[in-house]
């Protein structure tokens, strides 16, 4: 399961980089918006960008990641947007670098003490909650940063540390400390985290989108 998940995420990410453009980034932002609003209208975008810290942060983060790689925009538009992202980092307590690989339909539930190492990989339709951390391990068998599959739910205060895979549709319980791989559809909790059930994230990941850019990340539920 681990190798299959890594290959799946890396293959999709390679394609995403090949299509790195403002159009692609805007499609990602609209996919995030659907997770919050259930639609992708201009009115909903303005409302959530103005009043929803998680969506505001992820929007600026995605734009920063795009503009950083776009010729002259890298020198003109990226610097002020990066400063805005840093301001939001300190204001909302969300630290997710703009170069982090994150799939469509990203949902930040609440805000505060959310820390993600820039080398982490986050799949499609994932939820991350306040107090969560995706951290790097500097030694041992799992040296590196986590790789999350699609439809993963991270509850408040959980810590996922090291280059471990969190399988598709898995759920990590509140305040859990995860240092070993988690299979698809598992629910884990405790310190250290152990499998509690195989009910997965069902019921916690709502308003999902397709993970294929060719469909425009269309809503699927």
C-alpha atoms as a PDB file:
ATOM      1  CA  UNK A   1       0.000   0.000   0.000  1.00  0.00           C
ATOM      2  CA  UNK A   2       2.771   2.439   0.890  1.00  0.00           C
ATOM      3  CA  UNK A   3       4.599   2.257  -2.453  1.00  0.00           C
ATOM      4  CA  UNK A   4       1.358   2.386  -4.449  1.00  0.00           C
ATOM      5  CA  UNK A   5       0.212   5.507  -2.610  1.00  0.00           C
ATOM      6  CA  UNK A   6       3.552   7.258  -3.048  1.00  0.00           C
ATOM      7  CA  UNK A   7       3.614   6.494  -6.790  1.00  0.00           C
ATOM      8  CA  UNK A   8       0.019   7.672  -7.192  1.00  0.00           C
ATOM      9  CA  UNK A   9       0.659  10.982  -5.454  1.00  0.00           C
ATOM     10  CA  UNK A  10       3.954  11.610  -7.229  1.00  0.00           C
ATOM     11  CA  UNK A  11       2.505  10.818 -10.657  1.00  0.00           C
ATOM     12  CA  UNK A  12      -0.386  13.215 -10.147  1.00  0.00           C
ATOM     13  CA  UNK A  13       1.945  15.883  -8.775  1.00  0.00           C
ATOM     14  CA  UNK A  14       4.259  15.594 -11.800  1.00  0.00           C
ATOM     15  CA  UNK A  15       1.328  16.215 -14.093  1.00  0.00           C
ATOM     16  CA  UNK A  16       0.277  19.172 -11.992  1.00  0.00           C
ATOM     17  CA  UNK A  17       3.714  20.757 -12.276  1.00  0.00           C
ATOM     18  CA  UNK A  18       3.662  20.345 -16.050  1.00  0.00           C
ATOM     19  CA  UNK A  19       0.427  22.319 -16.124  1.00  0.00           C
ATOM     20  CA  UNK A  20       1.506  24.908 -13.603  1.00  0.00           C
ATOM     21  CA  UNK A  21      -0.335  28.043 -14.695  1.00  0.00           C
ATOM     22  CA  UNK A  22      -2.717  30.658 -13.388  1.00  0.00           C
ATOM     23  CA  UNK A  23      -5.583  28.697 -14.927  1.00  0.00           C
ATOM     24  CA  UNK A  24      -4.548  25.543 -13.107  1.00  0.00           C
ATOM     25  CA  UNK A  25      -4.070  27.430  -9.837  1.00  0.00           C
ATOM     26  CA  UNK A  26      -7.468  29.071 -10.194  1.00  0.00           C
ATOM     27  CA  UNK A  27      -9.022  25.620 -10.711  1.00  0.00           C
ATOM     28  CA  UNK A  28      -7.414  24.490  -7.458  1.00  0.00           C
ATOM     29  CA  UNK A  29      -8.732  27.544  -5.623  1.00  0.00           C
ATOM     30  CA  UNK A  30     -12.245  26.932  -6.975  1.00  0.00           C
ATOM     31  CA  UNK A  31     -12.019  23.298  -5.864  1.00  0.00           C
ATOM     32  CA  UNK A  32     -11.125  24.501  -2.367  1.00  0.00           C
ATOM     33  CA  UNK A  33     -14.051  26.921  -2.451  1.00  0.00           C
ATOM     34  CA  UNK A  34     -16.477  24.110  -3.215  1.00  0.00           C
ATOM     35  CA  UNK A  35     -15.339  22.304  -0.063  1.00  0.00           C
ATOM     36  CA  UNK A  36     -16.301  25.361   2.004  1.00  0.00           C
ATOM     37  CA  UNK A  37     -19.381  26.691   0.218  1.00  0.00           C
ATOM     38  CA  UNK A  38     -20.878  23.829  -1.775  1.00  0.00           C
ATOM     39  CA  UNK A  39     -20.677  26.008  -4.871  1.00  0.00           C
ATOM     40  CA  UNK A  40     -18.084  28.024  -6.787  1.00  0.00           C
ATOM     41  CA  UNK A  41     -19.804  31.350  -7.330  1.00  0.00           C
ATOM     42  CA  UNK A  42     -18.125  34.744  -7.186  1.00  0.00           C
ATOM     43  CA  UNK A  43     -20.311  35.711  -4.249  1.00  0.00           C
ATOM     44  CA  UNK A  44     -19.168  32.681  -2.234  1.00  0.00           C
ATOM     45  CA  UNK A  45     -15.559  33.350  -3.146  1.00  0.00           C
ATOM     46  CA  UNK A  46     -15.728  36.918  -1.849  1.00  0.00           C
ATOM     47  CA  UNK A  47     -17.567  35.906   1.315  1.00  0.00           C
ATOM     48  CA  UNK A  48     -15.122  33.139   2.243  1.00  0.00           C
ATOM     49  CA  UNK A  49     -12.031  35.072   1.214  1.00  0.00           C
ATOM     50  CA  UNK A  50     -13.095  37.948   3.440  1.00  0.00           C
ATOM     51  CA  UNK A  51     -14.398  35.987   6.432  1.00  0.00           C
ATOM     52  CA  UNK A  52     -12.934  32.450   6.405  1.00  0.00           C
ATOM     53  CA  UNK A  53      -9.287  32.386   7.525  1.00  0.00           C
ATOM     54  CA  UNK A  54      -8.547  28.901   6.198  1.00  0.00           C
ATOM     55  CA  UNK A  55      -9.782  29.645   2.689  1.00  0.00           C
ATOM     56  CA  UNK A  56      -8.092  33.044   2.690  1.00  0.00           C
ATOM     57  CA  UNK A  57      -4.773  31.453   3.629  1.00  0.00           C
ATOM     58  CA  UNK A  58      -4.952  28.613   1.112  1.00  0.00           C
ATOM     59  CA  UNK A  59      -5.909  31.010  -1.693  1.00  0.00           C
ATOM     60  CA  UNK A  60      -2.919  33.276  -1.099  1.00  0.00           C
ATOM     61  CA  UNK A  61      -0.699  30.241  -0.546  1.00  0.00           C
ATOM     62  CA  UNK A  62      -1.653  28.691  -3.889  1.00  0.00           C
ATOM     63  CA  UNK A  63      -1.186  31.988  -5.723  1.00  0.00           C
ATOM     64  CA  UNK A  64       2.250  32.419  -4.155  1.00  0.00           C
ATOM     65  CA  UNK A  65       3.258  28.952  -5.272  1.00  0.00           C
ATOM     66  CA  UNK A  66       2.194  29.725  -8.824  1.00  0.00           C
ATOM     67  CA  UNK A  67       3.686  33.215  -9.171  1.00  0.00           C
ATOM     68  CA  UNK A  68       7.000  32.131  -7.665  1.00  0.00           C
ATOM     69  CA  UNK A  69       7.599  30.088 -10.831  1.00  0.00           C
ATOM     70  CA  UNK A  70       6.307  32.508 -13.465  1.00  0.00           C
ATOM     71  CA  UNK A  71       9.051  34.612 -15.004  1.00  0.00           C
ATOM     72  CA  UNK A  72       8.711  38.332 -14.375  1.00  0.00           C
ATOM     73  CA  UNK A  73       5.801  37.785 -11.978  1.00  0.00           C
ATOM     74  CA  UNK A  74       8.328  36.158  -9.683  1.00  0.00           C
ATOM     75  CA  UNK A  75       9.947  39.539  -9.154  1.00  0.00           C
ATOM     76  CA  UNK A  76       6.904  41.850  -9.308  1.00  0.00           C
ATOM     77  CA  UNK A  77       3.832  40.039  -7.957  1.00  0.00           C
ATOM     78  CA  UNK A  78       5.318  37.288  -5.810  1.00  0.00           C
ATOM     79  CA  UNK A  79       7.108  39.464  -3.179  1.00  0.00           C
ATOM     80  CA  UNK A  80       4.039  41.437  -1.990  1.00  0.00           C
ATOM     81  CA  UNK A  81       1.900  38.309  -2.026  1.00  0.00           C
ATOM     82  CA  UNK A  82       4.530  36.460  -0.016  1.00  0.00           C
ATOM     83  CA  UNK A  83       4.490  39.259   2.559  1.00  0.00           C
ATOM     84  CA  UNK A  84       0.702  38.936   2.741  1.00  0.00           C
ATOM     85  CA  UNK A  85       1.044  35.186   3.266  1.00  0.00           C
ATOM     86  CA  UNK A  86       3.510  35.775   6.098  1.00  0.00           C
ATOM     87  CA  UNK A  87       1.087  38.228   7.676  1.00  0.00           C
ATOM     88  CA  UNK A  88      -1.684  35.625   7.562  1.00  0.00           C
ATOM     89  CA  UNK A  89       0.700  33.053   9.014  1.00  0.00           C
ATOM     90  CA  UNK A  90       1.191  35.111  12.153  1.00  0.00           C
ATOM     91  CA  UNK A  91      -2.381  36.399  12.287  1.00  0.00           C
ATOM     92  CA  UNK A  92      -4.105  33.009  11.940  1.00  0.00           C
ATOM     93  CA  UNK A  93      -1.417  30.638  13.176  1.00  0.00           C
ATOM     94  CA  UNK A  94      -1.286  28.658   9.933  1.00  0.00           C
ATOM     95  CA  UNK A  95       2.177  27.761   8.648  1.00  0.00           C
ATOM     96  CA  UNK A  96       1.934  25.952   5.302  1.00  0.00           C
ATOM     97  CA  UNK A  97       4.643  26.964   2.796  1.00  0.00           C
ATOM     98  CA  UNK A  98       3.549  27.923  -0.704  1.00  0.00           C
ATOM     99  CA  UNK A  99       5.656  25.150  -2.260  1.00  0.00           C
ATOM    100  CA  UNK A 100       3.881  22.366  -0.348  1.00  0.00           C
ATOM    101  CA  UNK A 101       2.293  19.860  -2.742  1.00  0.00           C
ATOM    102  CA  UNK A 102      -1.434  19.894  -2.037  1.00  0.00           C
ATOM    103  CA  UNK A 103      -4.167  18.340  -4.153  1.00  0.00           C
ATOM    104  CA  UNK A 104      -7.562  19.859  -5.005  1.00  0.00           C
ATOM    105  CA  UNK A 105     -10.321  20.312  -2.457  1.00  0.00           C
ATOM    106  CA  UNK A 106      -8.138  21.344   0.478  1.00  0.00           C
ATOM    107  CA  UNK A 107     -10.130  22.292   3.594  1.00  0.00           C
ATOM    108  CA  UNK A 108      -8.671  24.032   6.662  1.00  0.00           C
ATOM    109  CA  UNK A 109     -11.135  23.614   9.514  1.00  0.00           C
ATOM    110  CA  UNK A 110     -10.723  26.441  12.033  1.00  0.00           C
ATOM    111  CA  UNK A 111      -7.283  27.924  12.455  1.00  0.00           C
ATOM    112  CA  UNK A 112      -4.419  28.203  14.922  1.00  0.00           C
ATOM    113  CA  UNK A 113      -1.273  26.125  15.481  1.00  0.00           C
ATOM    114  CA  UNK A 114      -1.465  24.414  12.087  1.00  0.00           C
ATOM    115  CA  UNK A 115       2.074  23.484  11.078  1.00  0.00           C
ATOM    116  CA  UNK A 116       2.963  21.664   7.851  1.00  0.00           C
ATOM    117  CA  UNK A 117       6.491  20.926   6.745  1.00  0.00           C
ATOM    118  CA  UNK A 118       7.005  22.116   3.181  1.00  0.00           C
ATOM    119  CA  UNK A 119       8.167  18.670   2.032  1.00  0.00           C
ATOM    120  CA  UNK A 120       4.896  17.030   3.067  1.00  0.00           C
ATOM    121  CA  UNK A 121       2.462  15.891   0.369  1.00  0.00           C
ATOM    122  CA  UNK A 122      -1.303  16.239   0.827  1.00  0.00           C
ATOM    123  CA  UNK A 123      -3.762  14.452  -1.461  1.00  0.00           C
ATOM    124  CA  UNK A 124      -7.160  15.522  -2.761  1.00  0.00           C
ATOM    125  CA  UNK A 125     -10.140  16.344  -0.521  1.00  0.00           C
ATOM    126  CA  UNK A 126      -8.181  16.419   2.716  1.00  0.00           C
ATOM    127  CA  UNK A 127      -9.262  18.156   5.927  1.00  0.00           C
ATOM    128  CA  UNK A 128      -6.794  19.592   8.410  1.00  0.00           C
ATOM    129  CA  UNK A 129      -7.964  20.951  11.758  1.00  0.00           C
ATOM    130  CA  UNK A 130      -6.558  23.433  14.268  1.00  0.00           C
ATOM    131  CA  UNK A 131      -3.553  22.248  16.240  1.00  0.00           C
ATOM    132  CA  UNK A 132      -2.546  19.688  13.591  1.00  0.00           C
ATOM    133  CA  UNK A 133       1.038  19.157  12.501  1.00  0.00           C
ATOM    134  CA  UNK A 134       2.701  17.352   9.612  1.00  0.00           C
ATOM    135  CA  UNK A 135       6.277  17.264  10.832  1.00  0.00           C
ATOM    136  CA  UNK A 136       9.641  16.112   9.607  1.00  0.00           C
ATOM    137  CA  UNK A 137      11.687  13.333  11.178  1.00  0.00           C
ATOM    138  CA  UNK A 138      15.426  13.823  10.854  1.00  0.00           C
ATOM    139  CA  UNK A 139      16.645  10.290  11.443  1.00  0.00           C
ATOM    140  CA  UNK A 140      15.570   6.671  11.481  1.00  0.00           C
ATOM    141  CA  UNK A 141      13.578   4.522   9.071  1.00  0.00           C
ATOM    142  CA  UNK A 142      10.973   7.226   8.468  1.00  0.00           C
ATOM    143  CA  UNK A 143      13.285  10.163   7.881  1.00  0.00           C
ATOM    144  CA  UNK A 144      11.404  12.864   5.977  1.00  0.00           C
ATOM    145  CA  UNK A 145       7.867  14.291   5.903  1.00  0.00           C
ATOM    146  CA  UNK A 146       4.380  12.698   5.699  1.00  0.00           C
ATOM    147  CA  UNK A 147       2.485  11.748   2.546  1.00  0.00           C
ATOM    148  CA  UNK A 148      -1.300  11.917   2.847  1.00  0.00           C
ATOM    149  CA  UNK A 149      -3.595  10.053   0.493  1.00  0.00           C
ATOM    150  CA  UNK A 150      -6.973  11.338  -0.709  1.00  0.00           C
ATOM    151  CA  UNK A 151      -9.843  12.010   1.654  1.00  0.00           C
ATOM    152  CA  UNK A 152      -7.747  12.087   4.821  1.00  0.00           C
ATOM    153  CA  UNK A 153      -9.149  13.729   7.954  1.00  0.00           C
ATOM    154  CA  UNK A 154      -6.789  15.145  10.577  1.00  0.00           C
ATOM    155  CA  UNK A 155      -8.555  15.941  13.850  1.00  0.00           C
ATOM    156  CA  UNK A 156      -7.644  18.729  16.259  1.00  0.00           C
ATOM    157  CA  UNK A 157      -4.225  18.558  17.838  1.00  0.00           C
ATOM    158  CA  UNK A 158      -2.960  15.497  15.995  1.00  0.00           C
ATOM    159  CA  UNK A 159       0.693  15.099  15.037  1.00  0.00           C
ATOM    160  CA  UNK A 160       1.896  13.091  12.036  1.00  0.00           C
ATOM    161  CA  UNK A 161       5.677  12.846  12.032  1.00  0.00           C
ATOM    162  CA  UNK A 162       8.137  11.359   9.547  1.00  0.00           C
ATOM    163  CA  UNK A 163       7.957  10.098   5.982  1.00  0.00           C
ATOM    164  CA  UNK A 164       4.982   7.877   6.579  1.00  0.00           C
ATOM    165  CA  UNK A 165       1.962   7.332   4.386  1.00  0.00           C
ATOM    166  CA  UNK A 166      -1.539   8.042   5.640  1.00  0.00           C
ATOM    167  CA  UNK A 167      -3.763   5.945   3.400  1.00  0.00           C
ATOM    168  CA  UNK A 168      -6.749   7.059   1.393  1.00  0.00           C
ATOM    169  CA  UNK A 169      -9.835   7.944   3.442  1.00  0.00           C
ATOM    170  CA  UNK A 170      -7.994   7.483   6.741  1.00  0.00           C
ATOM    171  CA  UNK A 171      -8.853   9.496   9.855  1.00  0.00           C
ATOM    172  CA  UNK A 172      -6.430  10.576  12.579  1.00  0.00           C
ATOM    173  CA  UNK A 173      -8.035  11.201  15.968  1.00  0.00           C
ATOM    174  CA  UNK A 174      -7.703  14.255  18.177  1.00  0.00           C
ATOM    175  CA  UNK A 175      -4.282  14.658  19.839  1.00  0.00           C
ATOM    176  CA  UNK A 176      -3.003  11.435  18.283  1.00  0.00           C
ATOM    177  CA  UNK A 177       0.724  11.092  17.589  1.00  0.00           C
ATOM    178  CA  UNK A 178       1.334   9.087  14.416  1.00  0.00           C
ATOM    179  CA  UNK A 179       4.837   7.832  13.644  1.00  0.00           C
ATOM    180  CA  UNK A 180       4.054   4.747  11.544  1.00  0.00           C
ATOM    181  CA  UNK A 181       2.157   4.228   8.256  1.00  0.00           C
ATOM    182  CA  UNK A 182      -1.630   4.113   8.378  1.00  0.00           C
ATOM    183  CA  UNK A 183      -3.559   1.880   5.928  1.00  0.00           C
ATOM    184  CA  UNK A 184      -6.491   2.946   3.768  1.00  0.00           C
ATOM    185  CA  UNK A 185      -9.793   3.523   5.615  1.00  0.00           C
ATOM    186  CA  UNK A 186      -8.243   3.214   9.070  1.00  0.00           C
ATOM    187  CA  UNK A 187      -9.118   5.324  12.097  1.00  0.00           C
ATOM    188  CA  UNK A 188      -6.152   5.805  14.418  1.00  0.00           C
ATOM    189  CA  UNK A 189      -5.845   7.440  17.806  1.00  0.00           C
ATOM    190  CA  UNK A 190      -3.754   7.576  20.938  1.00  0.00           C
ATOM    191  CA  UNK A 191      -0.084   8.112  21.815  1.00  0.00           C
ATOM    192  CA  UNK A 192       1.427   6.381  19.971  1.00  0.00           C
ATOM    193  CA  UNK A 193      -1.446   6.042  17.516  1.00  0.00           C
ATOM    194  CA  UNK A 194      -3.056   2.652  17.030  1.00  0.00           C
ATOM    195  CA  UNK A 195      -5.813   1.467  14.713  1.00  0.00           C
ATOM    196  CA  UNK A 196      -9.188   1.864  16.403  1.00  0.00           C
ATOM    197  CA  UNK A 197     -11.461   0.873  13.531  1.00  0.00           C
ATOM    198  CA  UNK A 198     -11.667   0.615   9.751  1.00  0.00           C
ATOM    199  CA  UNK A 199     -14.485   3.138   9.352  1.00  0.00           C
ATOM    200  CA  UNK A 200     -12.133   5.732   7.865  1.00  0.00           C
ATOM    201  CA  UNK A 201     -13.061   9.352   7.265  1.00  0.00           C
ATOM    202  CA  UNK A 202     -16.559   8.584   6.009  1.00  0.00           C
ATOM    203  CA  UNK A 203     -18.894  11.358   7.153  1.00  0.00           C
ATOM    204  CA  UNK A 204     -16.076  13.807   7.840  1.00  0.00           C
ATOM    205  CA  UNK A 205     -15.077  14.642   4.270  1.00  0.00           C
ATOM    206  CA  UNK A 206     -17.983  16.422   2.617  1.00  0.00           C
ATOM    207  CA  UNK A 207     -18.429  18.212  -0.724  1.00  0.00           C
ATOM    208  CA  UNK A 208     -15.685  16.332  -2.533  1.00  0.00           C
ATOM    209  CA  UNK A 209     -14.216  17.164  -5.926  1.00  0.00           C
ATOM    210  CA  UNK A 210     -12.704  15.072  -8.711  1.00  0.00           C
ATOM    211  CA  UNK A 211      -8.910  14.909  -8.572  1.00  0.00           C
ATOM    212  CA  UNK A 212      -8.537  15.174 -12.366  1.00  0.00           C
ATOM    213  CA  UNK A 213      -7.655  18.603 -13.776  1.00  0.00           C
ATOM    214  CA  UNK A 214      -9.152  17.600 -17.131  1.00  0.00           C
ATOM    215  CA  UNK A 215     -12.586  17.781 -15.519  1.00  0.00           C
ATOM    216  CA  UNK A 216     -11.799  21.108 -13.862  1.00  0.00           C
ATOM    217  CA  UNK A 217     -11.853  19.345 -10.483  1.00  0.00           C
ATOM    218  CA  UNK A 218     -15.614  19.081 -10.815  1.00  0.00           C
ATOM    219  CA  UNK A 219     -17.770  18.392  -7.747  1.00  0.00           C
ATOM    220  CA  UNK A 220     -18.529  14.700  -7.244  1.00  0.00           C
ATOM    221  CA  UNK A 221     -20.503  14.754  -3.959  1.00  0.00           C
END
